[in-house]
Amino acid sequence: MRNKFYMNEFQYHDGECYVTFNIVDLNELKGEIQVAITRQGKISVVTYPLLSDEKGYYFEYGCEYKKLSVNDFEEVT
C-alpha cells in the first residue's frame, strides 16, 4: 500500500535556483522521510529525519536547515 503522500511535490527557491522535492516514502514508525530532490537537472534520493511540531510533520534541508513542511507538498496529477 502506498503512502498518501507518495510523490507529492514541493518547489523551493534556495537563493540560487529552484529545487523540486517529491516524497518517495514517509515512515512515521521509523521517523524518516525519503525524498527525490531535483536541482539543476540532477536528481538525488535522500532520507531525512522526520520531525514534527504543532503544525505537523517536517524535515530540514540544506546548510541553513530550512524547515520544509509536509503539509506544503501538493499532489501531482
N, C-alpha and C. Protein backbone atom coordinates (compact mmCIF):
# COMPACT_ATOMS: atom_id res chain seq x y z
N MET A 1 0.84 -1.19 0.00
CA MET A 1 0.00 0.00 0.00
C MET A 1 0.88 1.24 0.00
N ARG A 2 0.57 2.18 -0.86
CA ARG A 2 1.35 3.40 -0.95
C ARG A 2 0.92 4.41 0.09
N ASN A 3 1.87 5.16 0.53
CA ASN A 3 1.63 6.23 1.48
C ASN A 3 0.81 7.33 0.80
N LYS A 4 -0.09 7.98 1.52
CA LYS A 4 -0.94 9.02 0.91
C LYS A 4 -0.12 10.21 0.43
N PHE A 5 1.13 10.34 0.88
CA PHE A 5 1.98 11.44 0.45
C PHE A 5 2.86 11.06 -0.74
N TYR A 6 2.78 9.82 -1.22
CA TYR A 6 3.67 9.32 -2.27
C TYR A 6 3.68 10.24 -3.48
N MET A 7 4.85 10.69 -3.83
CA MET A 7 5.15 11.55 -4.99
C MET A 7 4.53 12.96 -4.89
N ASN A 8 4.02 13.35 -3.75
CA ASN A 8 3.61 14.74 -3.60
C ASN A 8 4.83 15.63 -3.82
N GLU A 9 4.59 16.84 -4.33
CA GLU A 9 5.68 17.68 -4.80
C GLU A 9 5.68 19.04 -4.13
N PHE A 10 6.89 19.59 -3.98
CA PHE A 10 7.07 20.93 -3.42
C PHE A 10 8.27 21.57 -4.11
N GLN A 11 8.13 22.86 -4.47
CA GLN A 11 9.26 23.59 -5.05
C GLN A 11 9.72 24.66 -4.08
N TYR A 12 11.04 24.79 -3.97
CA TYR A 12 11.65 25.72 -3.03
C TYR A 12 12.78 26.44 -3.75
N HIS A 13 12.86 27.76 -3.59
CA HIS A 13 13.97 28.52 -4.17
C HIS A 13 15.03 28.68 -3.09
N ASP A 14 16.21 28.17 -3.35
CA ASP A 14 17.28 28.17 -2.34
C ASP A 14 18.18 29.41 -2.42
N GLY A 15 17.74 30.43 -3.17
CA GLY A 15 18.55 31.64 -3.34
C GLY A 15 19.36 31.61 -4.61
N GLU A 16 19.53 30.44 -5.18
CA GLU A 16 20.30 30.27 -6.40
C GLU A 16 19.45 29.69 -7.53
N CYS A 17 18.62 28.71 -7.19
CA CYS A 17 17.77 28.07 -8.20
C CYS A 17 16.59 27.39 -7.50
N TYR A 18 15.65 26.93 -8.32
CA TYR A 18 14.52 26.19 -7.77
C TYR A 18 14.91 24.73 -7.55
N VAL A 19 14.47 24.20 -6.42
CA VAL A 19 14.70 22.81 -6.07
C VAL A 19 13.33 22.15 -5.95
N THR A 20 13.16 21.01 -6.61
CA THR A 20 11.90 20.29 -6.55
C THR A 20 12.07 19.05 -5.69
N PHE A 21 11.13 18.88 -4.76
CA PHE A 21 11.13 17.73 -3.86
C PHE A 21 9.91 16.87 -4.16
N ASN A 22 10.09 15.57 -4.25
CA ASN A 22 8.99 14.62 -4.36
C ASN A 22 9.13 13.60 -3.24
N ILE A 23 8.06 13.37 -2.50
CA ILE A 23 8.10 12.41 -1.41
C ILE A 23 8.06 11.00 -1.99
N VAL A 24 9.06 10.20 -1.66
CA VAL A 24 9.12 8.81 -2.07
C VAL A 24 8.50 7.93 -0.99
N ASP A 25 8.84 8.23 0.28
CA ASP A 25 8.30 7.46 1.39
C ASP A 25 8.30 8.32 2.64
N LEU A 26 7.25 8.17 3.43
CA LEU A 26 7.14 8.83 4.72
C LEU A 26 6.81 7.75 5.73
N ASN A 27 7.76 7.46 6.61
CA ASN A 27 7.59 6.37 7.57
C ASN A 27 7.54 6.95 8.98
N GLU A 28 6.34 7.03 9.52
CA GLU A 28 6.15 7.59 10.85
C GLU A 28 6.77 6.71 11.93
N LEU A 29 6.72 5.39 11.74
CA LEU A 29 7.28 4.48 12.74
C LEU A 29 8.79 4.60 12.85
N LYS A 30 9.48 4.72 11.72
CA LYS A 30 10.93 4.89 11.72
C LYS A 30 11.34 6.34 11.95
N GLY A 31 10.40 7.26 11.77
CA GLY A 31 10.73 8.68 11.91
C GLY A 31 11.60 9.17 10.77
N GLU A 32 11.29 8.71 9.54
CA GLU A 32 12.09 9.06 8.37
C GLU A 32 11.20 9.49 7.21
N ILE A 33 11.74 10.38 6.39
CA ILE A 33 11.10 10.74 5.14
C ILE A 33 12.15 10.62 4.04
N GLN A 34 11.78 9.99 2.95
CA GLN A 34 12.68 9.83 1.81
C GLN A 34 12.13 10.68 0.68
N VAL A 35 12.98 11.55 0.13
CA VAL A 35 12.55 12.45 -0.93
C VAL A 35 13.49 12.38 -2.12
N ALA A 36 12.92 12.55 -3.31
CA ALA A 36 13.70 12.71 -4.52
C ALA A 36 13.87 14.21 -4.72
N ILE A 37 15.12 14.66 -4.83
CA ILE A 37 15.43 16.07 -4.93
C ILE A 37 15.99 16.34 -6.32
N THR A 38 15.35 17.27 -7.05
CA THR A 38 15.82 17.66 -8.38
C THR A 38 16.33 19.08 -8.28
N ARG A 39 17.63 19.24 -8.57
CA ARG A 39 18.27 20.57 -8.50
C ARG A 39 19.22 20.69 -9.67
N GLN A 40 18.99 21.69 -10.51
CA GLN A 40 19.82 21.96 -11.68
C GLN A 40 20.00 20.72 -12.55
N GLY A 41 18.91 19.97 -12.75
CA GLY A 41 18.92 18.82 -13.64
C GLY A 41 19.45 17.54 -13.02
N LYS A 42 19.90 17.59 -11.79
CA LYS A 42 20.41 16.40 -11.12
C LYS A 42 19.40 15.92 -10.09
N ILE A 43 19.22 14.60 -10.02
CA ILE A 43 18.25 14.01 -9.10
C ILE A 43 18.99 13.17 -8.06
N SER A 44 18.63 13.41 -6.80
CA SER A 44 19.17 12.63 -5.69
C SER A 44 18.00 12.11 -4.86
N VAL A 45 18.16 10.93 -4.29
CA VAL A 45 17.17 10.41 -3.36
C VAL A 45 17.84 10.40 -1.98
N VAL A 46 17.23 11.13 -1.04
CA VAL A 46 17.84 11.33 0.27
C VAL A 46 16.81 11.02 1.36
N THR A 47 17.29 10.42 2.45
CA THR A 47 16.44 10.14 3.60
C THR A 47 16.79 11.11 4.72
N TYR A 48 15.78 11.79 5.24
CA TYR A 48 15.94 12.75 6.32
C TYR A 48 15.17 12.30 7.55
N PRO A 49 15.59 12.76 8.73
CA PRO A 49 14.77 12.51 9.92
C PRO A 49 13.43 13.23 9.77
N LEU A 50 12.37 12.56 10.12
CA LEU A 50 11.03 13.15 10.08
C LEU A 50 10.76 13.78 11.44
N LEU A 51 10.58 15.07 11.45
CA LEU A 51 10.37 15.82 12.68
C LEU A 51 8.92 16.28 12.73
N SER A 52 8.47 16.72 13.90
CA SER A 52 7.10 17.23 13.99
C SER A 52 7.04 18.38 14.98
N ASP A 53 6.06 19.24 14.76
CA ASP A 53 5.75 20.32 15.68
C ASP A 53 4.24 20.49 15.69
N GLU A 54 3.76 21.59 16.24
CA GLU A 54 2.31 21.79 16.35
C GLU A 54 1.62 21.89 14.99
N LYS A 55 2.37 22.16 13.92
CA LYS A 55 1.78 22.29 12.58
C LYS A 55 1.83 20.99 11.78
N GLY A 56 2.52 19.98 12.29
CA GLY A 56 2.60 18.71 11.59
C GLY A 56 4.03 18.28 11.33
N TYR A 57 4.19 17.38 10.36
CA TYR A 57 5.50 16.83 10.04
C TYR A 57 6.30 17.78 9.17
N TYR A 58 7.63 17.73 9.33
CA TYR A 58 8.55 18.49 8.50
C TYR A 58 9.92 17.83 8.52
N PHE A 59 10.80 18.28 7.61
CA PHE A 59 12.20 17.87 7.64
C PHE A 59 13.02 19.11 7.36
N GLU A 60 14.31 19.04 7.67
CA GLU A 60 15.19 20.19 7.50
C GLU A 60 16.11 19.94 6.32
N TYR A 61 16.26 20.98 5.45
CA TYR A 61 17.02 20.85 4.22
C TYR A 61 18.11 21.92 4.14
N GLY A 62 19.24 21.53 3.62
CA GLY A 62 20.31 22.46 3.31
C GLY A 62 21.17 22.87 4.50
N CYS A 63 22.15 23.71 4.20
CA CYS A 63 23.09 24.18 5.23
C CYS A 63 22.42 25.03 6.29
N GLU A 64 21.35 25.70 5.90
CA GLU A 64 20.64 26.57 6.84
C GLU A 64 19.52 25.83 7.56
N TYR A 65 19.39 24.53 7.31
CA TYR A 65 18.35 23.70 7.92
C TYR A 65 16.96 24.30 7.74
N LYS A 66 16.64 24.64 6.49
CA LYS A 66 15.34 25.20 6.16
C LYS A 66 14.26 24.16 6.48
N LYS A 67 13.26 24.58 7.24
CA LYS A 67 12.17 23.70 7.65
C LYS A 67 11.18 23.58 6.49
N LEU A 68 11.02 22.37 5.94
CA LEU A 68 10.09 22.11 4.85
C LEU A 68 8.95 21.24 5.38
N SER A 69 7.77 21.81 5.42
CA SER A 69 6.60 21.14 5.98
C SER A 69 5.98 20.18 4.97
N VAL A 70 5.65 18.99 5.43
CA VAL A 70 4.98 18.01 4.58
C VAL A 70 3.63 18.55 4.12
N ASN A 71 2.98 19.38 4.91
CA ASN A 71 1.69 19.95 4.54
C ASN A 71 1.79 20.89 3.35
N ASP A 72 3.00 21.40 3.02
CA ASP A 72 3.17 22.28 1.87
C ASP A 72 3.30 21.53 0.56
N PHE A 73 3.47 20.21 0.64
CA PHE A 73 3.59 19.41 -0.58
C PHE A 73 2.20 19.22 -1.18
N GLU A 74 2.15 19.21 -2.51
CA GLU A 74 0.88 19.07 -3.22
C GLU A 74 0.90 17.81 -4.09
N GLU A 75 -0.28 17.24 -4.24
CA GLU A 75 -0.43 16.05 -5.09
C GLU A 75 -0.16 16.41 -6.54
N VAL A 76 0.62 15.58 -7.20
CA VAL A 76 0.93 15.77 -8.62
C VAL A 76 -0.06 14.95 -9.42
N THR A 77 -0.70 15.59 -10.37
CA THR A 77 -1.67 14.88 -11.20
C THR A 77 -1.18 14.68 -12.59
